[in-house]
Each structure stands twice: as C-alpha cells, then as structure tokens.
PDB file of N, CA and C in Angstrom:
ATOM      1  N   MET A   1      42.578  -1.216 137.942  1.00  0.00           N
ATOM      2  CA  MET A   1      43.227  -2.229 137.145  1.00  0.00           C
ATOM      3  C   MET A   1      42.996  -1.988 135.651  1.00  0.00           C
ATOM      4  N   ASN A   2      41.789  -1.576 135.295  1.00  0.00           N
ATOM      5  CA  ASN A   2      41.461  -1.330 133.900  1.00  0.00           C
ATOM      6  C   ASN A   2      42.291  -0.199 133.310  1.00  0.00           C
ATOM      7  N   GLY A   3      42.537   0.843 134.096  1.00  0.00           N
ATOM      8  CA  GLY A   3      43.338   1.974 133.633  1.00  0.00           C
ATOM      9  C   GLY A   3      44.772   1.581 133.331  1.00  0.00           C
ATOM     10  N   VAL A   4      45.313   0.658 134.119  1.00  0.00           N
ATOM     11  CA  VAL A   4      46.683   0.191 133.900  1.00  0.00           C
ATOM     12  C   VAL A   4      46.764  -0.573 132.587  1.00  0.00           C
ATOM     13  N   PHE A   5      45.759  -1.399 132.315  1.00  0.00           N
ATOM     14  CA  PHE A   5      45.732  -2.163 131.069  1.00  0.00           C
ATOM     15  C   PHE A   5      45.650  -1.238 129.862  1.00  0.00           C
ATOM     16  N   VAL A   6      44.828  -0.208 129.950  1.00  0.00           N
ATOM     17  CA  VAL A   6      44.672   0.736 128.846  1.00  0.00           C
ATOM     18  C   VAL A   6      45.981   1.472 128.598  1.00  0.00           C
ATOM     19  N   ALA A   7      46.643   1.917 129.664  1.00  0.00           N
ATOM     20  CA  ALA A   7      47.919   2.616 129.516  1.00  0.00           C
ATOM     21  C   ALA A   7      48.972   1.687 128.925  1.00  0.00           C
ATOM     22  N   THR A   8      49.010   0.453 129.380  1.00  0.00           N
ATOM     23  CA  THR A   8      49.980  -0.502 128.860  1.00  0.00           C
ATOM     24  C   THR A   8      49.694  -0.813 127.389  1.00  0.00           C
ATOM     25  N   PHE A   9      48.435  -0.949 127.025  1.00  0.00           N
ATOM     26  CA  PHE A   9      48.058  -1.215 125.640  1.00  0.00           C
ATOM     27  C   PHE A   9      48.476  -0.060 124.738  1.00  0.00           C
ATOM     28  N   LYS A  10      48.254   1.168 125.193  1.00  0.00           N
ATOM     29  CA  LYS A  10      48.646   2.341 124.405  1.00  0.00           C
ATOM     30  C   LYS A  10      50.157   2.390 124.226  1.00  0.00           C
ATOM     31  N   GLN A  11      50.893   2.071 125.282  1.00  0.00           N
ATOM     32  CA  GLN A  11      52.349   2.073 125.190  1.00  0.00           C
ATOM     33  C   GLN A  11      52.834   0.988 124.235  1.00  0.00           C
ATOM     34  N   ALA A  12      52.214  -0.190 124.306  1.00  0.00           N
ATOM     35  CA  ALA A  12      52.603  -1.278 123.413  1.00  0.00           C
ATOM     36  C   ALA A  12      52.292  -0.924 121.964  1.00  0.00           C
ATOM     37  N   LYS A  13      51.135  -0.324 121.737  1.00  0.00           N
ATOM     38  CA  LYS A  13      50.746   0.094 120.386  1.00  0.00           C
ATOM     39  C   LYS A  13      51.727   1.129 119.843  1.00  0.00           C
ATOM     40  N   ARG A  14      52.130   2.068 120.689  1.00  0.00           N
ATOM     41  CA  ARG A  14      53.082   3.105 120.270  1.00  0.00           C
ATOM     42  C   ARG A  14      54.442   2.486 119.952  1.00  0.00           C
ATOM     43  N   LEU A  15      54.888   1.563 120.790  1.00  0.00           N
ATOM     44  CA  LEU A  15      56.175   0.903 120.576  1.00  0.00           C
ATOM     45  C   LEU A  15      56.169   0.111 119.277  1.00  0.00           C
ATOM     46  N   ILE A  16      55.079  -0.583 119.011  1.00  0.00           N
ATOM     47  CA  ILE A  16      54.979  -1.351 117.760  1.00  0.00           C
ATOM     48  C   ILE A  16      55.021  -0.417 116.556  1.00  0.00           C
ATOM     49  N   ALA A  17      54.312   0.702 116.624  1.00  0.00           N
ATOM     50  CA  ALA A  17      54.326   1.666 115.514  1.00  0.00           C
ATOM     51  C   ALA A  17      55.729   2.217 115.288  1.00  0.00           C
ATOM     52  N   ILE A  18      56.441   2.487 116.364  1.00  0.00           N
ATOM     53  CA  ILE A  18      57.802   3.027 116.240  1.00  0.00           C
ATOM     54  C   ILE A  18      58.742   1.993 115.633  1.00  0.00           C
ATOM     55  N   VAL A  19      58.685   0.764 116.122  1.00  0.00           N
ATOM     56  CA  VAL A  19      59.576  -0.284 115.609  1.00  0.00           C
ATOM     57  C   VAL A  19      59.272  -0.580 114.142  1.00  0.00           C
ATOM     58  N   VAL A  20      57.997  -0.732 113.809  1.00  0.00           N
ATOM     59  CA  VAL A  20      57.624  -1.016 112.419  1.00  0.00           C
ATOM     60  C   VAL A  20      57.992   0.163 111.519  1.00  0.00           C
ATOM     61  N   GLY A  21      57.725   1.382 111.972  1.00  0.00           N
ATOM     62  CA  GLY A  21      58.036   2.561 111.175  1.00  0.00           C
ATOM     63  C   GLY A  21      59.517   2.698 110.873  1.00  0.00           C
ATOM     64  N   PHE A  22      60.350   2.539 111.899  1.00  0.00           N
ATOM     65  CA  PHE A  22      61.797   2.636 111.668  1.00  0.00           C
ATOM     66  C   PHE A  22      62.300   1.485 110.796  1.00  0.00           C
ATOM     67  N   THR A  23      61.733   0.302 110.970  1.00  0.00           N
ATOM     68  CA  THR A  23      62.143  -0.836 110.144  1.00  0.00           C
ATOM     69  C   THR A  23      61.813  -0.581 108.672  1.00  0.00           C
ATOM     70  N   VAL A  24      60.603  -0.133 108.407  1.00  0.00           N
ATOM     71  CA  VAL A  24      60.204   0.157 107.022  1.00  0.00           C
ATOM     72  C   VAL A  24      61.059   1.284 106.452  1.00  0.00           C
ATOM     73  N   LEU A  25      61.318   2.308 107.253  1.00  0.00           N
ATOM     74  CA  LEU A  25      62.148   3.424 106.790  1.00  0.00           C
ATOM     75  C   LEU A  25      63.565   2.955 106.459  1.00  0.00           C
ATOM     76  N   LEU A  26      64.148   2.134 107.317  1.00  0.00           N
ATOM     77  CA  LEU A  26      65.508   1.637 107.060  1.00  0.00           C
ATOM     78  C   LEU A  26      65.557   0.729 105.834  1.00  0.00           C
ATOM     79  N   VAL A  27      64.540  -0.082 105.644  1.00  0.00           N
ATOM     80  CA  VAL A  27      64.472  -0.915 104.438  1.00  0.00           C
ATOM     81  C   VAL A  27      64.381  -0.019 103.203  1.00  0.00           C
ATOM     82  N   GLY A  28      63.606   1.045 103.295  1.00  0.00           N
ATOM     83  CA  GLY A  28      63.498   1.991 102.178  1.00  0.00           C
ATOM     84  C   GLY A  28      64.812   2.673 101.870  1.00  0.00           C
ATOM     85  N   VAL A  29      65.528   3.060 102.902  1.00  0.00           N
ATOM     86  CA  VAL A  29      66.841   3.689 102.698  1.00  0.00           C
ATOM     87  C   VAL A  29      67.804   2.686 102.061  1.00  0.00           C
ATOM     88  N   ALA A  30      67.742   1.432 102.497  1.00  0.00           N
ATOM     89  CA  ALA A  30      68.599   0.403 101.891  1.00  0.00           C
ATOM     90  C   ALA A  30      68.248   0.203 100.422  1.00  0.00           C
ATOM     91  N   MET A  31      66.981   0.393 100.082  1.00  0.00           N
ATOM     92  CA  MET A  31      66.553   0.207  98.695  1.00  0.00           C
ATOM     93  C   MET A  31      67.073   1.298  97.770  1.00  0.00           C
ATOM     94  N   ILE A  32      67.625   2.349  98.324  1.00  0.00           N
ATOM     95  CA  ILE A  32      68.249   3.360  97.469  1.00  0.00           C
ATOM     96  C   ILE A  32      69.428   2.726  96.736  1.00  0.00           C
ATOM     97  N   ALA A  33      70.196   1.892  97.439  1.00  0.00           N
ATOM     98  CA  ALA A  33      71.341   1.217  96.831  1.00  0.00           C
ATOM     99  C   ALA A  33      70.961  -0.153  96.279  1.00  0.00           C
ATOM    100  N   LEU A  34      69.985  -0.795  96.888  1.00  0.00           N
ATOM    101  CA  LEU A  34      69.559  -2.126  96.463  1.00  0.00           C
ATOM    102  C   LEU A  34      68.350  -1.992  95.532  1.00  0.00           C
ATOM    103  N   PRO A  35      68.057  -3.043  94.788  1.00  0.00           N
ATOM    104  CA  PRO A  35      66.871  -2.969  93.929  1.00  0.00           C
ATOM    105  C   PRO A  35      65.589  -2.965  94.765  1.00  0.00           C
ATOM    106  N   GLY A  36      64.709  -2.096  94.396  1.00  0.00           N
ATOM    107  CA  GLY A  36      63.438  -2.017  95.110  1.00  0.00           C
ATOM    108  C   GLY A  36      62.841  -0.629  95.008  1.00  0.00           C
ATOM    109  N   PRO A  37      61.573  -0.506  95.332  1.00  0.00           N
ATOM    110  CA  PRO A  37      60.866   0.777  95.199  1.00  0.00           C
ATOM    111  C   PRO A  37      61.068   1.686  96.414  1.00  0.00           C
ATOM    112  N   ALA A  38      62.253   2.237  96.558  1.00  0.00           N
ATOM    113  CA  ALA A  38      62.550   3.104  97.705  1.00  0.00           C
ATOM    114  C   ALA A  38      61.627   4.311  97.744  1.00  0.00           C
ATOM    115  N   PHE A  39      61.238   4.817  96.578  1.00  0.00           N
ATOM    116  CA  PHE A  39      60.383   6.009  96.530  1.00  0.00           C
ATOM    117  C   PHE A  39      58.980   5.737  97.067  1.00  0.00           C
ATOM    118  N   ILE A  40      58.621   4.484  97.247  1.00  0.00           N
ATOM    119  CA  ILE A  40      57.341   4.129  97.863  1.00  0.00           C
ATOM    120  C   ILE A  40      57.541   3.751  99.325  1.00  0.00           C
ATOM    121  N   VAL A  41      58.596   3.020  99.622  1.00  0.00           N
ATOM    122  CA  VAL A  41      58.804   2.474 100.967  1.00  0.00           C
ATOM    123  C   VAL A  41      59.205   3.558 101.964  1.00  0.00           C
ATOM    124  N   ILE A  42      60.039   4.508 101.557  1.00  0.00           N
ATOM    125  CA  ILE A  42      60.471   5.564 102.477  1.00  0.00           C
ATOM    126  C   ILE A  42      59.285   6.418 102.939  1.00  0.00           C
ATOM    127  N   PRO A  43      58.438   6.912 102.037  1.00  0.00           N
ATOM    128  CA  PRO A  43      57.263   7.658 102.520  1.00  0.00           C
ATOM    129  C   PRO A  43      56.326   6.811 103.389  1.00  0.00           C
ATOM    130  N   LEU A  44      56.231   5.522 103.098  1.00  0.00           N
ATOM    131  CA  LEU A  44      55.402   4.643 103.923  1.00  0.00           C
ATOM    132  C   LEU A  44      55.948   4.569 105.345  1.00  0.00           C
ATOM    133  N   GLY A  45      57.265   4.431 105.472  1.00  0.00           N
ATOM    134  CA  GLY A  45      57.887   4.417 106.797  1.00  0.00           C
ATOM    135  C   GLY A  45      57.677   5.735 107.522  1.00  0.00           C
ATOM    136  N   LEU A  46      57.803   6.836 106.799  1.00  0.00           N
ATOM    137  CA  LEU A  46      57.576   8.148 107.416  1.00  0.00           C
ATOM    138  C   LEU A  46      56.118   8.327 107.825  1.00  0.00           C
ATOM    139  N   ALA A  47      55.201   7.786 107.038  1.00  0.00           N
ATOM    140  CA  ALA A  47      53.785   7.882 107.395  1.00  0.00           C
ATOM    141  C   ALA A  47      53.493   7.100 108.677  1.00  0.00           C
ATOM    142  N   ILE A  48      54.103   5.938 108.809  1.00  0.00           N
ATOM    143  CA  ILE A  48      53.916   5.154 110.032  1.00  0.00           C
ATOM    144  C   ILE A  48      54.512   5.900 111.221  1.00  0.00           C
ATOM    145  N   LEU A  49      55.717   6.416 111.054  1.00  0.00           N
ATOM    146  CA  LEU A  49      56.359   7.173 112.143  1.00  0.00           C
ATOM    147  C   LEU A  49      55.618   8.474 112.421  1.00  0.00           C
ATOM    148  N   GLY A  50      54.968   9.018 111.398  1.00  0.00           N
ATOM    149  CA  GLY A  50      54.222  10.260 111.555  1.00  0.00           C
ATOM    150  C   GLY A  50      53.038  10.140 112.496  1.00  0.00           C
ATOM    151  N   THR A  51      52.605   8.912 112.758  1.00  0.00           N
ATOM    152  CA  THR A  51      51.529   8.732 113.729  1.00  0.00           C
ATOM    153  C   THR A  51      52.011   9.006 115.142  1.00  0.00           C
ATOM    154  N   GLU A  52      53.330   8.979 115.344  1.00  0.00           N
ATOM    155  CA  GLU A  52      53.880   9.168 116.685  1.00  0.00           C
ATOM    156  C   GLU A  52      54.816  10.366 116.808  1.00  0.00           C
ATOM    157  N   PHE A  53      55.429  10.799 115.706  1.00  0.00           N
ATOM    158  CA  PHE A  53      56.437  11.852 115.764  1.00  0.00           C
ATOM    159  C   PHE A  53      56.099  13.003 114.821  1.00  0.00           C
ATOM    160  N   VAL A  54      56.216  14.209 115.315  1.00  0.00           N
ATOM    161  CA  VAL A  54      55.959  15.406 114.508  1.00  0.00           C
ATOM    162  C   VAL A  54      57.028  15.568 113.431  1.00  0.00           C
ATOM    163  N   TRP A  55      58.290  15.269 113.750  1.00  0.00           N
ATOM    164  CA  TRP A  55      59.364  15.449 112.776  1.00  0.00           C
ATOM    165  C   TRP A  55      59.127  14.573 111.538  1.00  0.00           C
ATOM    166  N   ALA A  56      58.577  13.382 111.733  1.00  0.00           N
ATOM    167  CA  ALA A  56      58.304  12.501 110.593  1.00  0.00           C
ATOM    168  C   ALA A  56      57.161  13.059 109.746  1.00  0.00           C
ATOM    169  N   ARG A  57      56.143  13.597 110.405  1.00  0.00           N
ATOM    170  CA  ARG A  57      55.028  14.219 109.669  1.00  0.00           C
ATOM    171  C   ARG A  57      55.529  15.387 108.842  1.00  0.00           C
ATOM    172  N   ASN A  58      56.385  16.224 109.444  1.00  0.00           N
ATOM    173  CA  ASN A  58      56.913  17.388 108.726  1.00  0.00           C
ATOM    174  C   ASN A  58      57.785  16.968 107.540  1.00  0.00           C
ATOM    175  N   LEU A  59      58.607  15.947 107.740  1.00  0.00           N
ATOM    176  CA  LEU A  59      59.469  15.466 106.659  1.00  0.00           C
ATOM    177  C   LEU A  59      58.640  14.877 105.524  1.00  0.00           C
ATOM    178  N   LEU A  60      57.595  14.143 105.864  1.00  0.00           N
ATOM    179  CA  LEU A  60      56.708  13.585 104.845  1.00  0.00           C
ATOM    180  C   LEU A  60      56.004  14.695 104.072  1.00  0.00           C
ATOM    181  N   LYS A  61      55.585  15.727 104.780  1.00  0.00           N
ATOM    182  CA  LYS A  61      54.934  16.873 104.135  1.00  0.00           C
ATOM    183  C   LYS A  61      55.889  17.554 103.158  1.00  0.00           C
ATOM    184  N   LYS A  62      57.159  17.739 103.553  1.00  0.00           N
ATOM    185  CA  LYS A  62      58.152  18.348 102.661  1.00  0.00           C
ATOM    186  C   LYS A  62      58.395  17.480 101.435  1.00  0.00           C
ATOM    187  N   MET A  63      58.438  16.159 101.648  1.00  0.00           N
ATOM    188  CA  MET A  63      58.636  15.252 100.513  1.00  0.00           C
ATOM    189  C   MET A  63      57.478  15.355  99.527  1.00  0.00           C
ATOM    190  N   LYS A  64      56.263  15.432 100.046  1.00  0.00           N
ATOM    191  CA  LYS A  64      55.086  15.562  99.171  1.00  0.00           C
ATOM    192  C   LYS A  64      55.152  16.854  98.371  1.00  0.00           C
ATOM    193  N   GLU A  65      55.574  17.943  99.018  1.00  0.00           N
ATOM    194  CA  GLU A  65      55.693  19.224  98.315  1.00  0.00           C
ATOM    195  C   GLU A  65      56.739  19.146  97.211  1.00  0.00           C
ATOM    196  N   LYS A  66      57.873  18.527  97.489  1.00  0.00           N
ATOM    197  CA  LYS A  66      58.938  18.398  96.488  1.00  0.00           C
ATOM    198  C   LYS A  66      58.467  17.549  95.304  1.00  0.00           C
ATOM    199  N   ILE A  67      57.716  16.490  95.592  1.00  0.00           N
ATOM    200  CA  ILE A  67      57.206  15.636  94.521  1.00  0.00           C
ATOM    201  C   ILE A  67      56.211  16.408  93.665  1.00  0.00           C
ATOM    202  N   ARG A  68      55.347  17.199  94.315  1.00  0.00           N
ATOM    203  CA  ARG A  68      54.390  18.029  93.552  1.00  0.00           C
ATOM    204  C   ARG A  68      55.122  19.026  92.671  1.00  0.00           C
ATOM    205  N   GLU A  69      56.151  19.687  93.223  1.00  0.00           N
ATOM    206  CA  GLU A  69      56.927  20.655  92.446  1.00  0.00           C
ATOM    207  C   GLU A  69      57.581  19.978  91.246  1.00  0.00           C
ATOM    208  N   ALA A  70      58.173  18.811  91.474  1.00  0.00           N
ATOM    209  CA  ALA A  70      58.838  18.092  90.381  1.00  0.00           C
ATOM    210  C   ALA A  70      57.827  17.658  89.325  1.00  0.00           C
ATOM    211  N   THR A  71      56.671  17.211  89.761  1.00  0.00           N
ATOM    212  CA  THR A  71      55.620  16.800  88.824  1.00  0.00           C
ATOM    213  C   THR A  71      55.135  17.987  88.007  1.00  0.00           C
ATOM    214  N   ASN A  72      54.938  19.109  88.650  1.00  0.00           N
ATOM    215  CA  ASN A  72      54.475  20.295  87.938  1.00  0.00           C
ATOM    216  C   ASN A  72      55.513  20.805  86.938  1.00  0.00           C
ATOM    217  N   SER A  73      56.790  20.720  87.288  1.00  0.00           N
ATOM    218  CA  SER A  73      57.825  21.176  86.359  1.00  0.00           C
ATOM    219  C   SER A  73      57.949  20.256  85.162  1.00  0.00           C
ATOM    220  N   VAL A  74      57.665  18.974  85.341  1.00  0.00           N
ATOM    221  CA  VAL A  74      57.720  18.028  84.229  1.00  0.00           C
ATOM    222  C   VAL A  74      56.535  18.254  83.292  1.00  0.00           C
ATOM    223  N   LYS A  75      55.387  18.597  83.826  1.00  0.00           N
ATOM    224  CA  LYS A  75      54.191  18.809  83.015  1.00  0.00           C
ATOM    225  C   LYS A  75      54.313  20.034  82.111  1.00  0.00           C
ATOM    226  N   LEU A  76      55.101  21.012  82.520  1.00  0.00           N
ATOM    227  CA  LEU A  76      55.235  22.226  81.724  1.00  0.00           C
ATOM    228  C   LEU A  76      56.016  21.917  80.517  1.00  0.00           C
TER     229      LEU A  76
END
C-alpha cells in the first residue's frame, strides 16, 4: 500500500510541475505582446519544465548562452 501512495505522489508532483511550468511559460509568451517582464517569466517557465523535460533544459541552456553572448558583445 505504501508503494502505491509513493508512486501516486510522484505522479501528482510531476503533473503539478508540468501544469505550472506550461502555465508560466504561456503567460511569459503572452507578455511578449502584453506589458510585463517576459524576459524573466519565460526562463522561469522553462526552468520549471526543465525539472521534468530534457527539451526544456536544453532550450533554457541555449537561452542562457545567447544572453551571455549578447551581454559580452555589449560590454565590448
């Protein structure tokens, strides 16, 4: 019985992370057209999704690299 509860808890935790992550990501995408800090909210959504999906981790990593490149080019 205990094993079933643990498996169900893990599934519920994963589902909550997925729903919250996609919600935050979609709000961030909407903020591109609407007023708001999309450049903060989109990476936050990807970070949440990155706990469950490799594609989100990879996309977040690419975004960080692009931001570093842009920052370095501005400093020069």
